[in-house]
C-alpha atoms as a PDB file:
ATOM      1  CA  MET A   1      -0.009   0.023   0.019  1.00  0.00           C
ATOM      2  CA  MET A   2       1.129   3.538  -0.813  1.00  0.00           C
ATOM      3  CA  ILE A   3      -0.239   6.897   0.170  1.00  0.00           C
ATOM      4  CA  SER A   4       0.906   9.942  -1.709  1.00  0.00           C
ATOM      5  CA  ARG A   5       0.269  13.476  -0.477  1.00  0.00           C
ATOM      6  CA  THR A   6       0.384  16.249  -3.246  1.00  0.00           C
ATOM      7  CA  PRO A   7       0.028  19.953  -2.523  1.00  0.00           C
ATOM      8  CA  LEU A   8      -2.566  22.205  -4.317  1.00  0.00           C
ATOM      9  CA  ARG A   9      -1.157  25.444  -5.685  1.00  0.00           C
ATOM     10  CA  ILE A  10      -1.652  29.157  -5.941  1.00  0.00           C
ATOM     11  CA  SER A  11      -0.762  30.804  -9.248  1.00  0.00           C
ATOM     12  CA  PHE A  12       0.416  34.371  -9.123  1.00  0.00           C
ATOM     13  CA  PHE A  13       1.377  35.494 -12.634  1.00  0.00           C
ATOM     14  CA  GLY A  14       1.853  34.268 -16.187  1.00  0.00           C
ATOM     15  CA  GLY A  15      -1.098  31.780 -16.341  1.00  0.00           C
ATOM     16  CA  GLY A  16      -2.030  31.209 -19.878  1.00  0.00           C
ATOM     17  CA  SER A  17       1.538  31.606 -21.222  1.00  0.00           C
ATOM     18  CA  ASP A  18       2.165  27.934 -20.218  1.00  0.00           C
ATOM     19  CA  TYR A  19      -0.501  26.460 -22.706  1.00  0.00           C
ATOM     20  CA  PRO A  20       1.083  24.470 -25.468  1.00  0.00           C
ATOM     21  CA  ALA A  21      -0.266  26.664 -28.310  1.00  0.00           C
ATOM     22  CA  TYR A  22       1.547  29.663 -26.900  1.00  0.00           C
ATOM     23  CA  VAL A  23       4.658  27.979 -25.528  1.00  0.00           C
ATOM     24  CA  ARG A  24       5.361  26.441 -28.928  1.00  0.00           C
ATOM     25  CA  ARG A  25       5.606  29.858 -30.433  1.00  0.00           C
ATOM     26  CA  TYR A  26       6.918  32.182 -27.721  1.00  0.00           C
ATOM     27  CA  GLY A  27       7.786  30.209 -24.562  1.00  0.00           C
ATOM     28  CA  GLY A  28       5.957  30.869 -21.268  1.00  0.00           C
ATOM     29  CA  VAL A  29       6.776  32.133 -17.784  1.00  0.00           C
ATOM     30  CA  THR A  30       4.848  31.703 -14.619  1.00  0.00           C
ATOM     31  CA  LEU A  31       5.159  32.265 -10.909  1.00  0.00           C
ATOM     32  CA  ALA A  32       3.233  29.785  -8.664  1.00  0.00           C
ATOM     33  CA  ALA A  33       3.393  28.485  -5.159  1.00  0.00           C
ATOM     34  CA  ALA A  34       2.294  25.232  -3.539  1.00  0.00           C
ATOM     35  CA  ILE A  35       0.251  25.494  -0.330  1.00  0.00           C
ATOM     36  CA  ASP A  36      -0.431  23.349   2.560  1.00  0.00           C
ATOM     37  CA  LYS A  37      -3.678  21.952   1.301  1.00  0.00           C
ATOM     38  CA  TYR A  38      -3.403  18.531  -0.112  1.00  0.00           C
ATOM     39  CA  ILE A  39      -4.801  15.665  -2.181  1.00  0.00           C
ATOM     40  CA  TYR A  40      -4.184  12.181  -0.650  1.00  0.00           C
ATOM     41  CA  ILE A  41      -4.219   9.022  -2.797  1.00  0.00           C
ATOM     42  CA  THR A  42      -4.210   5.596  -1.220  1.00  0.00           C
ATOM     43  CA  LEU A  43      -3.265   2.877  -3.644  1.00  0.00           C
ATOM     44  CA  HIS A  44      -2.864  -0.949  -3.016  1.00  0.00           C
ATOM     45  CA  LYS A  45      -2.821  -4.072  -4.881  1.00  0.00           C
ATOM     46  CA  LEU A  46      -5.799  -6.386  -4.969  1.00  0.00           C
ATOM     47  CA  LEU A  47      -5.625 -10.054  -4.533  1.00  0.00           C
ATOM     48  CA  PRO A  48      -7.303 -12.130  -7.315  1.00  0.00           C
ATOM     49  CA  VAL A  49     -10.174 -13.170  -4.950  1.00  0.00           C
ATOM     50  CA  LYS A  50     -11.826  -9.837  -5.471  1.00  0.00           C
ATOM     51  CA  GLU A  51     -14.627  -9.684  -8.076  1.00  0.00           C
ATOM     52  CA  PHE A  52     -13.246  -6.626  -9.859  1.00  0.00           C
ATOM     53  CA  SER A  53      -9.740  -5.879 -11.051  1.00  0.00           C
ATOM     54  CA  TYR A  54     -10.104  -2.145 -10.399  1.00  0.00           C
ATOM     55  CA  THR A  55     -11.986  -0.337  -7.514  1.00  0.00           C
ATOM     56  CA  PHE A  56     -11.720   3.387  -7.118  1.00  0.00           C
ATOM     57  CA  PHE A  57     -13.306   5.644  -4.441  1.00  0.00           C
ATOM     58  CA  TYR A  58     -13.416   9.392  -5.240  1.00  0.00           C
ATOM     59  CA  SER A  59     -16.602  11.537  -5.680  1.00  0.00           C
ATOM     60  CA  LYS A  60     -17.885   8.381  -7.247  1.00  0.00           C
ATOM     61  CA  ILE A  61     -17.296   4.698  -6.806  1.00  0.00           C
ATOM     62  CA  GLU A  62     -16.046   2.781  -9.795  1.00  0.00           C
ATOM     63  CA  GLU A  63     -15.642  -1.017 -10.195  1.00  0.00           C
ATOM     64  CA  CYS A  64     -14.507  -2.630 -13.393  1.00  0.00           C
ATOM     65  CA  ASN A  65     -12.281  -5.172 -14.957  1.00  0.00           C
ATOM     66  CA  GLN A  66     -10.795  -3.285 -17.820  1.00  0.00           C
ATOM     67  CA  ILE A  67      -8.827  -0.075 -18.021  1.00  0.00           C
ATOM     68  CA  ASP A  68     -10.833   1.036 -20.992  1.00  0.00           C
ATOM     69  CA  LYS A  69     -13.970   1.017 -18.824  1.00  0.00           C
ATOM     70  CA  ILE A  70     -12.615   3.391 -16.208  1.00  0.00           C
ATOM     71  CA  LEU A  71     -14.573   6.684 -16.312  1.00  0.00           C
ATOM     72  CA  HIS A  72     -12.127   8.874 -14.398  1.00  0.00           C
ATOM     73  CA  PRO A  73      -9.791  10.220 -17.095  1.00  0.00           C
ATOM     74  CA  GLY A  74      -6.814  10.749 -14.836  1.00  0.00           C
ATOM     75  CA  ILE A  75      -6.979   7.295 -13.462  1.00  0.00           C
ATOM     76  CA  ARG A  76      -7.565   5.666 -16.793  1.00  0.00           C
ATOM     77  CA  GLU A  77      -4.869   7.362 -18.765  1.00  0.00           C
ATOM     78  CA  SER A  78      -2.291   7.251 -15.910  1.00  0.00           C
ATOM     79  CA  LEU A  79      -2.697   3.378 -15.840  1.00  0.00           C
ATOM     80  CA  ARG A  80      -2.307   3.300 -19.686  1.00  0.00           C
ATOM     81  CA  PHE A  81       0.802   5.482 -19.409  1.00  0.00           C
ATOM     82  CA  MET A  82       2.244   3.242 -16.788  1.00  0.00           C
ATOM     83  CA  LYS A  83       1.228   0.107 -18.787  1.00  0.00           C
ATOM     84  CA  ASN A  84      -0.352  -1.186 -15.646  1.00  0.00           C
ATOM     85  CA  LYS A  85      -0.995  -4.951 -15.232  1.00  0.00           C
ATOM     86  CA  THR A  86      -1.747  -4.905 -11.514  1.00  0.00           C
ATOM     87  CA  ARG A  87      -5.221  -5.212  -9.978  1.00  0.00           C
ATOM     88  CA  LEU A  88      -5.673  -1.970  -8.011  1.00  0.00           C
ATOM     89  CA  GLU A  89      -7.896  -0.225  -5.462  1.00  0.00           C
ATOM     90  CA  ALA A  90      -7.609   3.576  -4.861  1.00  0.00           C
ATOM     91  CA  HIS A  91      -9.051   6.021  -2.402  1.00  0.00           C
ATOM     92  CA  VAL A  92      -8.825   9.793  -3.017  1.00  0.00           C
ATOM     93  CA  THR A  93      -9.405  12.453  -0.423  1.00  0.00           C
ATOM     94  CA  ALA A  94      -8.756  16.234  -0.560  1.00  0.00           C
ATOM     95  CA  ASP A  95      -8.600  19.143   1.854  1.00  0.00           C
ATOM     96  CA  LEU A  96     -10.388  21.475  -0.416  1.00  0.00           C
ATOM     97  CA  PRO A  97     -13.072  21.157  -3.213  1.00  0.00           C
ATOM     98  CA  ALA A  98     -12.210  20.146  -6.757  1.00  0.00           C
ATOM     99  CA  ARG A  99     -12.810  22.344  -9.794  1.00  0.00           C
ATOM    100  CA  SER A 100     -11.954  25.374  -7.772  1.00  0.00           C
ATOM    101  CA  GLY A 101      -8.814  26.887  -9.388  1.00  0.00           C
ATOM    102  CA  LEU A 102      -6.105  25.350  -7.147  1.00  0.00           C
ATOM    103  CA  GLY A 103      -4.761  22.807  -9.639  1.00  0.00           C
ATOM    104  CA  SER A 104      -6.560  19.857  -8.150  1.00  0.00           C
ATOM    105  CA  SER A 105      -6.717  17.945 -11.457  1.00  0.00           C
ATOM    106  CA  SER A 106      -2.966  18.197 -11.867  1.00  0.00           C
ATOM    107  CA  ALA A 107      -2.248  17.492  -8.238  1.00  0.00           C
ATOM    108  CA  PHE A 108      -4.343  14.402  -8.661  1.00  0.00           C
ATOM    109  CA  THR A 109      -2.438  13.281 -11.732  1.00  0.00           C
ATOM    110  CA  VAL A 110       0.914  13.910 -10.122  1.00  0.00           C
ATOM    111  CA  GLY A 111      -0.095  12.096  -6.880  1.00  0.00           C
ATOM    112  CA  PHE A 112      -1.595   9.130  -8.686  1.00  0.00           C
ATOM    113  CA  LEU A 113       1.488   8.708 -10.853  1.00  0.00           C
ATOM    114  CA  HIS A 114       3.685   9.073  -7.792  1.00  0.00           C
ATOM    115  CA  ALA A 115       1.853   6.304  -5.925  1.00  0.00           C
ATOM    116  CA  LEU A 116       1.893   4.040  -9.038  1.00  0.00           C
ATOM    117  CA  TYR A 117       5.648   4.401  -9.450  1.00  0.00           C
ATOM    118  CA  ALA A 118       6.153   3.759  -5.681  1.00  0.00           C
ATOM    119  CA  LEU A 119       3.900   0.604  -5.790  1.00  0.00           C
ATOM    120  CA  ASN A 120       6.007  -0.657  -8.561  1.00  0.00           C
ATOM    121  CA  GLY A 121       9.183  -0.042  -6.644  1.00  0.00           C
ATOM    122  CA  LYS A 122      10.372   2.774  -8.948  1.00  0.00           C
ATOM    123  CA  HIS A 123      11.897   6.132  -7.780  1.00  0.00           C
ATOM    124  CA  VAL A 124      11.499   9.080 -10.088  1.00  0.00           C
ATOM    125  CA  THR A 125      12.323  12.729  -9.604  1.00  0.00           C
ATOM    126  CA  ARG A 126       9.587  15.252  -8.866  1.00  0.00           C
ATOM    127  CA  LYS A 127      10.542  17.010 -12.035  1.00  0.00           C
ATOM    128  CA  GLN A 128       9.984  13.795 -13.968  1.00  0.00           C
ATOM    129  CA  LEU A 129       6.662  13.292 -12.250  1.00  0.00           C
ATOM    130  CA  ALA A 130       5.582  16.730 -13.340  1.00  0.00           C
ATOM    131  CA  ALA A 131       6.674  16.087 -16.979  1.00  0.00           C
ATOM    132  CA  ASP A 132       4.839  12.720 -16.985  1.00  0.00           C
ATOM    133  CA  ALA A 133       1.768  14.357 -15.704  1.00  0.00           C
ATOM    134  CA  VAL A 134       1.944  17.099 -18.337  1.00  0.00           C
ATOM    135  CA  PHE A 135       2.129  14.250 -20.973  1.00  0.00           C
ATOM    136  CA  VAL A 136      -0.824  12.382 -19.502  1.00  0.00           C
ATOM    137  CA  GLU A 137      -3.120  15.431 -19.254  1.00  0.00           C
ATOM    138  CA  GLN A 138      -2.136  17.162 -22.589  1.00  0.00           C
ATOM    139  CA  GLN A 139      -1.445  14.169 -24.856  1.00  0.00           C
ATOM    140  CA  LEU A 140      -3.602  11.378 -23.450  1.00  0.00           C
ATOM    141  CA  ILE A 141      -6.528  13.005 -21.822  1.00  0.00           C
ATOM    142  CA  ARG A 142      -6.399  15.946 -24.204  1.00  0.00           C
ATOM    143  CA  GLU A 143      -7.350  18.443 -21.538  1.00  0.00           C
ATOM    144  CA  ARG A 144      -7.146  22.096 -21.973  1.00  0.00           C
ATOM    145  CA  VAL A 145      -4.406  22.496 -19.492  1.00  0.00           C
ATOM    146  CA  GLY A 146      -1.056  24.285 -19.289  1.00  0.00           C
ATOM    147  CA  SER A 147       2.069  22.939 -17.524  1.00  0.00           C
ATOM    148  CA  GLN A 148       2.591  25.158 -14.489  1.00  0.00           C
ATOM    149  CA  ASP A 149       0.082  23.258 -12.247  1.00  0.00           C
ATOM    150  CA  GLN A 150       1.866  19.976 -12.578  1.00  0.00           C
ATOM    151  CA  TYR A 151       5.284  21.465 -11.750  1.00  0.00           C
ATOM    152  CA  ALA A 152       3.928  23.524  -8.929  1.00  0.00           C
ATOM    153  CA  CYS A 153       2.238  20.563  -7.276  1.00  0.00           C
ATOM    154  CA  ALA A 154       5.108  18.181  -7.903  1.00  0.00           C
ATOM    155  CA  LEU A 155       8.028  20.555  -6.864  1.00  0.00           C
ATOM    156  CA  GLY A 156       6.496  22.380  -3.956  1.00  0.00           C
ATOM    157  CA  GLY A 157       7.794  25.744  -2.721  1.00  0.00           C
ATOM    158  CA  ILE A 158       7.420  28.901  -4.879  1.00  0.00           C
ATOM    159  CA  ASN A 159       9.019  28.720  -8.252  1.00  0.00           C
ATOM    160  CA  LEU A 160       9.513  30.848 -11.314  1.00  0.00           C
ATOM    161  CA  LEU A 161       8.932  28.428 -14.193  1.00  0.00           C
ATOM    162  CA  LYS A 162      10.204  29.110 -17.698  1.00  0.00           C
ATOM    163  CA  PHE A 163       8.759  26.947 -20.439  1.00  0.00           C
ATOM    164  CA  GLN A 164      10.881  26.852 -23.507  1.00  0.00           C
ATOM    165  CA  SER A 165       9.465  26.272 -26.999  1.00  0.00           C
ATOM    166  CA  SER A 166      11.916  23.414 -27.240  1.00  0.00           C
ATOM    167  CA  GLY A 167       9.991  21.620 -24.422  1.00  0.00           C
ATOM    168  CA  GLU A 168      12.648  22.254 -21.749  1.00  0.00           C
ATOM    169  CA  VAL A 169      11.375  23.641 -18.475  1.00  0.00           C
ATOM    170  CA  GLU A 170      13.588  25.807 -16.291  1.00  0.00           C
ATOM    171  CA  VAL A 171      12.796  25.872 -12.535  1.00  0.00           C
ATOM    172  CA  LEU A 172      13.979  28.889 -10.540  1.00  0.00           C
ATOM    173  CA  PRO A 173      13.112  28.559  -6.843  1.00  0.00           C
ATOM    174  CA  VAL A 174      12.048  31.831  -5.136  1.00  0.00           C
ATOM    175  CA  PRO A 175      14.355  32.768  -2.114  1.00  0.00           C
ATOM    176  CA  THR A 176      12.420  32.052   1.115  1.00  0.00           C
ATOM    177  CA  ALA A 177      13.488  35.244   3.125  1.00  0.00           C
ATOM    178  CA  ARG A 178      10.517  37.335   2.127  1.00  0.00           C
ATOM    179  CA  LEU A 179       7.818  34.643   1.959  1.00  0.00           C
ATOM    180  CA  PRO A 180       6.551  35.341   5.604  1.00  0.00           C
ATOM    181  CA  GLU A 181       6.069  38.956   4.646  1.00  0.00           C
ATOM    182  CA  LEU A 182       4.331  37.944   1.476  1.00  0.00           C
ATOM    183  CA  HIS A 183       2.054  35.477   3.260  1.00  0.00           C
ATOM    184  CA  SER A 184       1.112  38.027   5.970  1.00  0.00           C
ATOM    185  CA  ASN A 185      -0.514  40.163   3.232  1.00  0.00           C
ATOM    186  CA  LEU A 186      -2.524  37.490   1.495  1.00  0.00           C
ATOM    187  CA  LEU A 187      -6.039  36.230   2.072  1.00  0.00           C
ATOM    188  CA  LEU A 188      -7.638  33.231   0.259  1.00  0.00           C
ATOM    189  CA  PHE A 189     -11.419  33.238  -0.196  1.00  0.00           C
ATOM    190  CA  TYR A 190     -13.643  30.437  -1.501  1.00  0.00           C
ATOM    191  CA  THR A 191     -16.361  31.869  -3.736  1.00  0.00           C
ATOM    192  CA  GLY A 192     -18.508  28.846  -3.239  1.00  0.00           C
ATOM    193  CA  VAL A 193     -18.594  28.280  -7.103  1.00  0.00           C
ATOM    194  CA  GLN A 194     -17.223  25.117  -8.679  1.00  0.00           C
ATOM    195  CA  ARG A 195     -16.653  25.041 -12.434  1.00  0.00           C
ATOM    196  CA  PHE A 196     -15.074  22.800 -15.033  1.00  0.00           C
ATOM    197  CA  ALA A 197     -11.870  24.544 -16.248  1.00  0.00           C
ATOM    198  CA  HIS A 198     -12.071  22.665 -19.573  1.00  0.00           C
ATOM    199  CA  GLU A 199     -15.285  24.599 -20.443  1.00  0.00           C
ATOM    200  CA  ILE A 200     -14.032  28.010 -19.122  1.00  0.00           C
ATOM    201  CA  LEU A 201     -10.848  27.644 -21.151  1.00  0.00           C
ATOM    202  CA  ALA A 202     -12.421  26.889 -24.560  1.00  0.00           C
ATOM    203  CA  GLU A 203     -12.619  30.569 -25.564  1.00  0.00           C
ATOM    204  CA  GLN A 204      -9.067  31.422 -24.159  1.00  0.00           C
ATOM    205  CA  GLU A 205      -7.652  28.452 -26.093  1.00  0.00           C
ATOM    206  CA  GLN A 206      -9.258  29.646 -29.393  1.00  0.00           C
ATOM    207  CA  ASN A 207      -7.943  33.145 -28.758  1.00  0.00           C
ATOM    208  CA  THR A 208      -4.506  31.803 -28.155  1.00  0.00           C
ATOM    209  CA  LEU A 209      -4.492  29.610 -31.227  1.00  0.00           C
ATOM    210  CA  GLU A 210      -5.540  32.687 -33.382  1.00  0.00           C
ATOM    211  CA  GLY A 211      -2.962  34.987 -31.856  1.00  0.00           C
ATOM    212  CA  ARG A 212      -5.554  37.432 -30.549  1.00  0.00           C
ATOM    213  CA  ILE A 213      -4.123  37.579 -26.985  1.00  0.00           C
ATOM    214  CA  ASP A 214      -0.415  37.432 -27.683  1.00  0.00           C
ATOM    215  CA  LYS A 215       0.089  40.887 -26.221  1.00  0.00           C
ATOM    216  CA  PRO A 216      -1.807  40.320 -22.851  1.00  0.00           C
ATOM    217  CA  LEU A 217       0.091  36.958 -22.440  1.00  0.00           C
ATOM    218  CA  GLU A 218       3.422  38.660 -23.139  1.00  0.00           C
ATOM    219  CA  ASP A 219       2.568  41.275 -20.416  1.00  0.00           C
ATOM    220  CA  LEU A 220       1.564  38.521 -18.032  1.00  0.00           C
ATOM    221  CA  LYS A 221       4.891  36.806 -18.541  1.00  0.00           C
ATOM    222  CA  ALA A 222       6.640  40.089 -17.777  1.00  0.00           C
ATOM    223  CA  LEU A 223       4.677  40.323 -14.486  1.00  0.00           C
ATOM    224  CA  ALA A 224       5.873  36.960 -13.473  1.00  0.00           C
ATOM    225  CA  LEU A 225       9.545  38.145 -13.786  1.00  0.00           C
ATOM    226  CA  GLU A 226       8.679  41.353 -11.870  1.00  0.00           C
ATOM    227  CA  GLY A 227       7.040  39.379  -9.205  1.00  0.00           C
ATOM    228  CA  MET A 228      10.232  37.142  -8.864  1.00  0.00           C
ATOM    229  CA  ASP A 229      12.338  40.403  -8.578  1.00  0.00           C
ATOM    230  CA  ILE A 230      10.097  41.674  -5.724  1.00  0.00           C
ATOM    231  CA  LEU A 231      10.419  38.384  -3.822  1.00  0.00           C
ATOM    232  CA  SER A 232      14.156  38.247  -4.418  1.00  0.00           C
ATOM    233  CA  SER A 233      15.014  41.761  -3.331  1.00  0.00           C
ATOM    234  CA  PRO A 234      14.553  43.188   0.185  1.00  0.00           C
ATOM    235  CA  ASP A 235      14.729  46.744  -1.335  1.00  0.00           C
ATOM    236  CA  ILE A 236      11.468  46.544  -3.386  1.00  0.00           C
ATOM    237  CA  PRO A 237       8.263  47.253  -1.343  1.00  0.00           C
ATOM    238  CA  MET A 238       6.219  44.100  -0.852  1.00  0.00           C
ATOM    239  CA  ASP A 239       3.085  46.165  -1.655  1.00  0.00           C
ATOM    240  CA  ASP A 240       4.354  46.325  -5.263  1.00  0.00           C
ATOM    241  CA  PHE A 241       3.430  42.639  -5.457  1.00  0.00           C
ATOM    242  CA  GLY A 242      -0.170  43.510  -4.638  1.00  0.00           C
ATOM    243  CA  ARG A 243      -0.232  46.164  -7.246  1.00  0.00           C
ATOM    244  CA  LEU A 244       1.081  43.738  -9.773  1.00  0.00           C
ATOM    245  CA  LEU A 245      -1.852  41.362  -8.957  1.00  0.00           C
ATOM    246  CA  ASP A 246      -4.151  44.199  -9.814  1.00  0.00           C
ATOM    247  CA  THR A 247      -2.404  44.825 -13.115  1.00  0.00           C
ATOM    248  CA  ALA A 248      -2.691  41.022 -13.870  1.00  0.00           C
ATOM    249  CA  TRP A 249      -6.282  41.034 -12.991  1.00  0.00           C
ATOM    250  CA  ASN A 250      -7.014  43.520 -15.742  1.00  0.00           C
ATOM    251  CA  LEU A 251      -4.778  41.812 -18.304  1.00  0.00           C
ATOM    252  CA  LYS A 252      -6.264  38.392 -17.609  1.00  0.00           C
ATOM    253  CA  GLN A 253      -9.799  39.501 -18.405  1.00  0.00           C
ATOM    254  CA  LYS A 254      -8.647  40.309 -21.904  1.00  0.00           C
ATOM    255  CA  CYS A 255      -7.887  36.706 -22.476  1.00  0.00           C
ATOM    256  CA  SER A 256     -11.565  35.462 -22.252  1.00  0.00           C
ATOM    257  CA  SER A 257     -14.997  36.850 -21.467  1.00  0.00           C
ATOM    258  CA  LYS A 258     -15.715  33.843 -19.241  1.00  0.00           C
ATOM    259  CA  ILE A 259     -12.803  34.569 -16.621  1.00  0.00           C
ATOM    260  CA  ALA A 260     -14.916  36.752 -14.280  1.00  0.00           C
ATOM    261  CA  THR A 261     -18.606  37.004 -13.639  1.00  0.00           C
ATOM    262  CA  ASP A 262     -20.385  40.220 -12.682  1.00  0.00           C
ATOM    263  CA  MET A 263     -20.642  39.033  -9.159  1.00  0.00           C
ATOM    264  CA  ILE A 264     -16.943  38.441  -8.989  1.00  0.00           C
ATOM    265  CA  ARG A 265     -16.175  41.833 -10.489  1.00  0.00           C
ATOM    266  CA  LYS A 266     -18.435  43.402  -7.894  1.00  0.00           C
ATOM    267  CA  GLN A 267     -16.696  41.495  -5.013  1.00  0.00           C
ATOM    268  CA  TYR A 268     -13.193  42.632  -6.321  1.00  0.00           C
ATOM    269  CA  ALA A 269     -14.354  46.213  -6.407  1.00  0.00           C
ATOM    270  CA  THR A 270     -15.630  45.834  -2.835  1.00  0.00           C
ATOM    271  CA  ALA A 271     -12.275  44.379  -1.882  1.00  0.00           C
ATOM    272  CA  LYS A 272     -10.373  47.362  -3.247  1.00  0.00           C
ATOM    273  CA  GLU A 273     -12.615  49.793  -1.588  1.00  0.00           C
ATOM    274  CA  ASN A 274     -11.823  48.098   1.702  1.00  0.00           C
ATOM    275  CA  GLY A 275      -8.022  47.930   1.611  1.00  0.00           C
ATOM    276  CA  ALA A 276      -6.993  45.413  -0.989  1.00  0.00           C
ATOM    277  CA  LEU A 277      -4.199  46.415  -3.386  1.00  0.00           C
ATOM    278  CA  GLY A 278      -4.792  43.596  -5.746  1.00  0.00           C
ATOM    279  CA  GLY A 279      -6.227  40.136  -6.241  1.00  0.00           C
ATOM    280  CA  LYS A 280      -6.966  37.428  -8.743  1.00  0.00           C
ATOM    281  CA  LEU A 281      -9.178  34.522  -9.451  1.00  0.00           C
ATOM    282  CA  LEU A 282      -7.191  31.318  -9.297  1.00  0.00           C
ATOM    283  CA  GLY A 283      -6.965  28.970 -12.103  1.00  0.00           C
ATOM    284  CA  ALA A 284      -9.178  29.241 -15.137  1.00  0.00           C
ATOM    285  CA  GLY A 285     -11.629  31.664 -13.557  1.00  0.00           C
ATOM    286  CA  GLY A 286     -15.439  31.653 -13.353  1.00  0.00           C
ATOM    287  CA  GLY A 287     -15.370  30.942  -9.623  1.00  0.00           C
ATOM    288  CA  GLY A 288     -13.407  28.791  -7.285  1.00  0.00           C
ATOM    289  CA  PHE A 289     -10.778  30.522  -5.041  1.00  0.00           C
ATOM    290  CA  PHE A 290      -9.963  34.240  -5.089  1.00  0.00           C
ATOM    291  CA  LEU A 291      -6.650  35.541  -3.714  1.00  0.00           C
ATOM    292  CA  VAL A 292      -6.498  39.033  -2.217  1.00  0.00           C
ATOM    293  CA  TYR A 293      -3.405  41.078  -1.313  1.00  0.00           C
ATOM    294  CA  ALA A 294      -4.032  43.597   1.493  1.00  0.00           C
ATOM    295  CA  ASN A 295      -2.178  44.826   4.476  1.00  0.00           C
ATOM    296  CA  PRO A 296      -2.945  42.858   7.610  1.00  0.00           C
ATOM    297  CA  ASP A 297      -4.875  45.814   9.291  1.00  0.00           C
ATOM    298  CA  SER A 298      -7.513  45.406   6.545  1.00  0.00           C
ATOM    299  CA  HIS A 299      -7.906  41.577   6.812  1.00  0.00           C
ATOM    300  CA  GLU A 300     -10.783  41.508   9.317  1.00  0.00           C
ATOM    301  CA  ARG A 301     -12.753  44.202   7.450  1.00  0.00           C
ATOM    302  CA  LEU A 302     -12.205  42.328   4.183  1.00  0.00           C
ATOM    303  CA  LYS A 303     -13.499  39.042   5.705  1.00  0.00           C
ATOM    304  CA  GLU A 304     -16.589  40.867   6.677  1.00  0.00           C
ATOM    305  CA  LYS A 305     -17.226  42.783   3.534  1.00  0.00           C
ATOM    306  CA  LEU A 306     -16.635  39.970   1.143  1.00  0.00           C
ATOM    307  CA  GLN A 307     -19.179  37.622   2.787  1.00  0.00           C
ATOM    308  CA  PRO A 308     -20.524  34.990   1.799  1.00  0.00           C
ATOM    309  CA  TRP A 309     -17.061  34.295   0.528  1.00  0.00           C
ATOM    310  CA  VAL A 310     -15.206  32.172   3.128  1.00  0.00           C
ATOM    311  CA  SER A 311     -11.613  32.912   4.187  1.00  0.00           C
ATOM    312  CA  ILE A 312      -9.435  29.774   4.098  1.00  0.00           C
ATOM    313  CA  PRO A 313      -6.138  29.884   6.076  1.00  0.00           C
ATOM    314  CA  PHE A 314      -3.048  28.498   4.355  1.00  0.00           C
ATOM    315  CA  HIS A 315       0.678  28.446   4.369  1.00  0.00           C
ATOM    316  CA  PHE A 316       3.532  27.953   1.930  1.00  0.00           C
ATOM    317  CA  PRO A 317       5.128  24.388   2.322  1.00  0.00           C
ATOM    318  CA  ALA A 318       8.556  23.540   1.349  1.00  0.00           C
ATOM    319  CA  ALA A 319       7.791  20.040   0.095  1.00  0.00           C
ATOM    320  CA  GLY A 320       6.106  19.010  -3.193  1.00  0.00           C
ATOM    321  CA  THR A 321       4.488  15.614  -3.761  1.00  0.00           C
ATOM    322  CA  LYS A 322       5.476  12.917  -1.228  1.00  0.00           C
ATOM    323  CA  ILE A 323       4.934   9.335  -0.236  1.00  0.00           C
ATOM    324  CA  ILE A 324       3.803   9.580   3.288  1.00  0.00           C
ATOM    325  CA  PHE A 325       3.008   5.899   3.901  1.00  0.00           C
ATOM    326  CA  ARG A 326       4.632   2.851   2.505  1.00  0.00           C
ATOM    327  CA  GLN A 327       3.826  -0.789   3.387  1.00  0.00           C
ATOM    328  CA  GLU A 328       5.014  -3.680   1.149  1.00  0.00           C
ATOM    329  CA  ASN A 329       2.478  -6.473   0.594  1.00  0.00           C
ATOM    330  CA  PRO A 330       3.420  -9.603   2.527  1.00  0.00           C
END
């Protein structure tokens, strides 16, 4: 039996520039952080006395005898990718709701692959796990996803990620000295709205393919580099990071009409009226989690004014995906 624990992530800047259609032409740059909210995957081998070869417990329960019959795309395609021949049972639990902008789909793929490798006695690097998850999601599942989520969830910490048109990925860890100061200015709110990123991203993907949003994406890449500069230098005011989030908020909405609803725009205006310097919807948009940057003396007021949104405490962990329990079958 193996249990993997994989962190969810917060994306700060550059999202959209990591999508294949853009990366192949210009390369992408993102700044993202893993947080201490996790997806746990328990995986163990089944003895041949069980009726079904595959049993999976997540938001549904699946029982079947063939990989082709598995409904969950991440499970099905990960097993195909690994050329799995083993009878398996898996249980999936998560600290926060899925379909909410925290990279849960990619965290699942990374964690499931990690548990599969461990169950087969194979050790792979976190960077390889990220690359494998990108392949499974983009090439096998054919999801509308970029590549930052898989690397953020696999590697942990806060990283500037540079996606080269050649396919190479450069990982630049953010120095840790200023992270407590950054964290003290952030609030994470749950909007209560779950959505399918695949549907939200259809318009943005088309705009990317047709080159209509090349300039906003170029500017978002530049913000990722500026964000890295702020977190790397004690001489730049941390509040500049919040103002960059506000700039990114306006740029991101040029990428798709589906990123923000009228309700979310109204809530963001309320946040700015009550002390927020900037903020952003996490992930594809449309709902899920909203990140707000504000000085600590405004936090209680923001929690009150942004109701019914719920504030969720979090921290930045150092570790990425990890096998937290390992027991070999007798």
